[in-house]
Amino acid sequence: MTAAQPLRPDLARELIALADQSAARWSQQARNELDAVHLGRGRHADHANAKRLSRILAEENWPGHRLVDPGACRTAYQIALHTDEHDFQRLAPRLLHPAIQVGSVEALAVAVARQRHEASLQSLVAEELTRAGAAPLDRPPPP
């Protein structure tokens, strides 16, 4: 038995291309290897990716397995997680929930992606607090 072809393979290719163009930068950003210029360009690209994903969500709802393939579905969530638009980040899980309920999205893959993103954010906050001379939240302040 073979898997059904997605309804919008063109959309799957587009989502994967957007993420592929950003993947190396996302890795460099996570390792704090980008200068201010490249960080700004990356944020601009992430904003443009989020705008495109917003249009897809408005037209098609969440791009699940039936619309695109599982890889493109996970890629859409990665795009949502990498935007600086926090409202959009909070909206993504709410849009995902119905897709998970009908089996159009892999719940485990989404949970892993979200957990990785949250851990990355916590690490960045801890670094900023340390740079500012504040004690990390898990330790008491120095005397």
C-alpha atoms as a PDB file:
ATOM      1  CA  MET A   1       0.000   0.000   0.000  1.00  0.00           C
ATOM      2  CA  THR A   2       1.424   3.383  -0.933  1.00  0.00           C
ATOM      3  CA  ALA A   3       0.805   6.684   0.772  1.00  0.00           C
ATOM      4  CA  ALA A   4      -1.624   9.005  -0.948  1.00  0.00           C
ATOM      5  CA  GLN A   5      -0.102  11.858  -2.871  1.00  0.00           C
ATOM      6  CA  PRO A   6      -0.577  15.242  -1.204  1.00  0.00           C
ATOM      7  CA  LEU A   7      -3.208  17.517  -2.701  1.00  0.00           C
ATOM      8  CA  ARG A   8      -0.751  20.419  -2.998  1.00  0.00           C
ATOM      9  CA  PRO A   9       2.755  19.128  -3.773  1.00  0.00           C
ATOM     10  CA  ASP A  10       3.610  22.615  -5.036  1.00  0.00           C
ATOM     11  CA  LEU A  11       2.885  24.002  -1.583  1.00  0.00           C
ATOM     12  CA  ALA A  12       4.980  21.258   0.030  1.00  0.00           C
ATOM     13  CA  ARG A  13       7.924  22.153  -2.212  1.00  0.00           C
ATOM     14  CA  GLU A  14       7.519  25.840  -1.387  1.00  0.00           C
ATOM     15  CA  LEU A  15       7.453  25.286   2.386  1.00  0.00           C
ATOM     16  CA  ILE A  16      10.482  23.012   2.257  1.00  0.00           C
ATOM     17  CA  ALA A  17      12.370  25.506   0.066  1.00  0.00           C
ATOM     18  CA  LEU A  18      11.652  28.329   2.541  1.00  0.00           C
ATOM     19  CA  ALA A  19      12.993  26.251   5.423  1.00  0.00           C
ATOM     20  CA  ASP A  20      15.972  24.956   3.436  1.00  0.00           C
ATOM     21  CA  GLN A  21      17.000  28.529   2.654  1.00  0.00           C
ATOM     22  CA  SER A  22      16.917  29.346   6.383  1.00  0.00           C
ATOM     23  CA  ALA A  23      18.177  26.097   7.964  1.00  0.00           C
ATOM     24  CA  ALA A  24      21.894  26.950   8.011  1.00  0.00           C
ATOM     25  CA  ARG A  25      21.162  30.381   9.450  1.00  0.00           C
ATOM     26  CA  TRP A  26      18.856  28.903  12.106  1.00  0.00           C
ATOM     27  CA  SER A  27      21.724  26.631  13.196  1.00  0.00           C
ATOM     28  CA  GLN A  28      24.212  29.490  13.242  1.00  0.00           C
ATOM     29  CA  GLN A  29      21.773  31.627  15.188  1.00  0.00           C
ATOM     30  CA  ALA A  30      21.242  28.876  17.783  1.00  0.00           C
ATOM     31  CA  ARG A  31      25.042  28.709  18.231  1.00  0.00           C
ATOM     32  CA  ASN A  32      25.223  32.533  18.468  1.00  0.00           C
ATOM     33  CA  GLU A  33      27.475  32.712  15.386  1.00  0.00           C
ATOM     34  CA  LEU A  34      25.764  35.551  13.506  1.00  0.00           C
ATOM     35  CA  ASP A  35      26.829  39.166  13.506  1.00  0.00           C
ATOM     36  CA  ALA A  36      24.217  41.918  13.778  1.00  0.00           C
ATOM     37  CA  VAL A  37      23.902  42.367  10.002  1.00  0.00           C
ATOM     38  CA  HIS A  38      23.248  38.671   9.312  1.00  0.00           C
ATOM     39  CA  LEU A  39      20.962  38.427  12.323  1.00  0.00           C
ATOM     40  CA  GLY A  40      18.889  41.332  10.965  1.00  0.00           C
ATOM     41  CA  ARG A  41      18.743  39.804   7.492  1.00  0.00           C
ATOM     42  CA  GLY A  42      17.690  36.516   9.036  1.00  0.00           C
ATOM     43  CA  ARG A  43      14.904  38.135  11.004  1.00  0.00           C
ATOM     44  CA  HIS A  44      13.695  39.791   7.812  1.00  0.00           C
ATOM     45  CA  ALA A  45      13.695  36.401   6.032  1.00  0.00           C
ATOM     46  CA  ASP A  46      11.868  34.775   8.969  1.00  0.00           C
ATOM     47  CA  HIS A  47       9.284  37.565   8.876  1.00  0.00           C
ATOM     48  CA  ALA A  48       8.759  37.032   5.129  1.00  0.00           C
ATOM     49  CA  ASN A  49       8.446  33.253   5.685  1.00  0.00           C
ATOM     50  CA  ALA A  50       5.877  33.844   8.440  1.00  0.00           C
ATOM     51  CA  LYS A  51       3.879  36.161   6.184  1.00  0.00           C
ATOM     52  CA  ARG A  52       3.796  33.488   3.485  1.00  0.00           C
ATOM     53  CA  LEU A  53       2.760  30.865   6.040  1.00  0.00           C
ATOM     54  CA  SER A  54       0.044  33.243   7.278  1.00  0.00           C
ATOM     55  CA  ARG A  55      -1.377  33.450   3.757  1.00  0.00           C
ATOM     56  CA  ILE A  56      -1.293  29.656   3.480  1.00  0.00           C
ATOM     57  CA  LEU A  57      -3.095  29.327   6.818  1.00  0.00           C
ATOM     58  CA  ALA A  58      -5.746  31.802   5.701  1.00  0.00           C
ATOM     59  CA  GLU A  59      -6.320  29.903   2.441  1.00  0.00           C
ATOM     60  CA  GLU A  60      -5.911  26.285   3.507  1.00  0.00           C
ATOM     61  CA  ASN A  61      -5.870  26.094   7.335  1.00  0.00           C
ATOM     62  CA  TRP A  62      -2.890  24.187   8.708  1.00  0.00           C
ATOM     63  CA  PRO A  63      -0.939  22.445   5.910  1.00  0.00           C
ATOM     64  CA  GLY A  64      -1.398  18.873   7.132  1.00  0.00           C
ATOM     65  CA  HIS A  65      -0.493  15.501   5.622  1.00  0.00           C
ATOM     66  CA  ARG A  66      -3.371  15.442   3.157  1.00  0.00           C
ATOM     67  CA  LEU A  67      -2.579  18.884   1.778  1.00  0.00           C
ATOM     68  CA  VAL A  68       1.218  18.591   1.821  1.00  0.00           C
ATOM     69  CA  ASP A  69       3.442  15.722   2.953  1.00  0.00           C
ATOM     70  CA  PRO A  70       4.541  15.064   6.571  1.00  0.00           C
ATOM     71  CA  GLY A  71       7.929  16.707   5.999  1.00  0.00           C
ATOM     72  CA  ALA A  72       6.359  19.916   4.721  1.00  0.00           C
ATOM     73  CA  CYS A  73       3.875  19.827   7.584  1.00  0.00           C
ATOM     74  CA  ARG A  74       6.753  19.778  10.129  1.00  0.00           C
ATOM     75  CA  THR A  75       8.528  22.458   8.123  1.00  0.00           C
ATOM     76  CA  ALA A  76       5.508  24.753   8.434  1.00  0.00           C
ATOM     77  CA  TYR A  77       5.713  24.458  12.203  1.00  0.00           C
ATOM     78  CA  GLN A  78       9.465  25.201  12.134  1.00  0.00           C
ATOM     79  CA  ILE A  79       8.753  28.356  10.143  1.00  0.00           C
ATOM     80  CA  ALA A  80       6.148  29.384  12.714  1.00  0.00           C
ATOM     81  CA  LEU A  81       8.566  28.790  15.588  1.00  0.00           C
ATOM     82  CA  HIS A  82      11.374  30.834  14.061  1.00  0.00           C
ATOM     83  CA  THR A  83       9.440  34.038  13.602  1.00  0.00           C
ATOM     84  CA  ASP A  84       9.864  36.885  16.083  1.00  0.00           C
ATOM     85  CA  GLU A  85       6.130  37.462  15.932  1.00  0.00           C
ATOM     86  CA  HIS A  86       5.020  36.049  19.275  1.00  0.00           C
ATOM     87  CA  ASP A  87       1.313  36.351  18.444  1.00  0.00           C
ATOM     88  CA  PHE A  88       1.914  34.139  15.431  1.00  0.00           C
ATOM     89  CA  GLN A  89       3.868  31.656  17.581  1.00  0.00           C
ATOM     90  CA  ARG A  90       0.952  31.458  20.014  1.00  0.00           C
ATOM     91  CA  LEU A  91      -1.553  31.079  17.177  1.00  0.00           C
ATOM     92  CA  ALA A  92       0.265  28.158  15.542  1.00  0.00           C
ATOM     93  CA  PRO A  93      -0.483  25.580  18.288  1.00  0.00           C
ATOM     94  CA  ARG A  94      -4.158  26.601  18.297  1.00  0.00           C
ATOM     95  CA  LEU A  95      -4.339  26.011  14.553  1.00  0.00           C
ATOM     96  CA  LEU A  96      -2.435  22.766  14.888  1.00  0.00           C
ATOM     97  CA  HIS A  97      -4.725  21.251  17.519  1.00  0.00           C
ATOM     98  CA  PRO A  98      -7.647  20.475  15.161  1.00  0.00           C
ATOM     99  CA  ALA A  99      -5.208  19.065  12.589  1.00  0.00           C
ATOM    100  CA  ILE A 100      -3.704  16.783  15.232  1.00  0.00           C
ATOM    101  CA  GLN A 101      -7.190  15.639  16.280  1.00  0.00           C
ATOM    102  CA  VAL A 102      -8.057  14.470  12.775  1.00  0.00           C
ATOM    103  CA  GLY A 103      -4.640  12.845  12.278  1.00  0.00           C
ATOM    104  CA  SER A 104      -3.443  15.318   9.683  1.00  0.00           C
ATOM    105  CA  VAL A 105      -0.391  16.329  11.756  1.00  0.00           C
ATOM    106  CA  GLU A 106       2.025  14.176  13.762  1.00  0.00           C
ATOM    107  CA  ALA A 107       1.548  15.246  17.381  1.00  0.00           C
ATOM    108  CA  LEU A 108       4.904  13.866  18.494  1.00  0.00           C
ATOM    109  CA  ALA A 109       6.851  15.747  15.834  1.00  0.00           C
ATOM    110  CA  VAL A 110       5.115  18.987  16.804  1.00  0.00           C
ATOM    111  CA  ALA A 111       5.775  18.405  20.501  1.00  0.00           C
ATOM    112  CA  VAL A 112       9.474  17.750  19.876  1.00  0.00           C
ATOM    113  CA  ALA A 113       9.828  20.858  17.697  1.00  0.00           C
ATOM    114  CA  ARG A 114       8.078  23.006  20.296  1.00  0.00           C
ATOM    115  CA  GLN A 115      10.186  21.600  23.148  1.00  0.00           C
ATOM    116  CA  ARG A 116      13.420  22.288  21.236  1.00  0.00           C
ATOM    117  CA  HIS A 117      12.309  25.827  20.476  1.00  0.00           C
ATOM    118  CA  GLU A 118      11.337  26.546  24.090  1.00  0.00           C
ATOM    119  CA  ALA A 119      14.662  25.177  25.354  1.00  0.00           C
ATOM    120  CA  SER A 120      16.467  27.423  22.880  1.00  0.00           C
ATOM    121  CA  LEU A 121      14.504  30.453  24.071  1.00  0.00           C
ATOM    122  CA  GLN A 122      15.251  29.645  27.720  1.00  0.00           C
ATOM    123  CA  SER A 123      18.943  29.402  26.895  1.00  0.00           C
ATOM    124  CA  LEU A 124      18.894  32.796  25.150  1.00  0.00           C
ATOM    125  CA  VAL A 125      17.106  34.419  28.113  1.00  0.00           C
ATOM    126  CA  ALA A 126      19.664  32.955  30.535  1.00  0.00           C
ATOM    127  CA  GLU A 127      22.518  34.314  28.393  1.00  0.00           C
ATOM    128  CA  GLU A 128      20.965  37.781  28.303  1.00  0.00           C
ATOM    129  CA  LEU A 129      20.413  37.766  32.064  1.00  0.00           C
ATOM    130  CA  THR A 130      24.023  36.739  32.642  1.00  0.00           C
ATOM    131  CA  ARG A 131      25.296  39.490  30.315  1.00  0.00           C
ATOM    132  CA  ALA A 132      23.176  42.020  32.175  1.00  0.00           C
ATOM    133  CA  GLY A 133      24.685  40.885  35.496  1.00  0.00           C
ATOM    134  CA  ALA A 134      21.460  39.328  36.765  1.00  0.00           C
ATOM    135  CA  ALA A 135      21.387  35.920  38.418  1.00  0.00           C
ATOM    136  CA  PRO A 136      19.896  33.087  36.383  1.00  0.00           C
ATOM    137  CA  LEU A 137      16.367  32.267  37.443  1.00  0.00           C
ATOM    138  CA  ASP A 138      17.293  28.829  38.806  1.00  0.00           C
ATOM    139  CA  ARG A 139      19.916  30.205  41.244  1.00  0.00           C
ATOM    140  CA  PRO A 140      19.684  32.782  44.017  1.00  0.00           C
ATOM    141  CA  PRO A 141      21.364  36.142  43.414  1.00  0.00           C
ATOM    142  CA  PRO A 142      24.982  36.502  44.634  1.00  0.00           C
ATOM    143  CA  PRO A 143      25.474  38.153  48.044  1.00  0.00           C
END
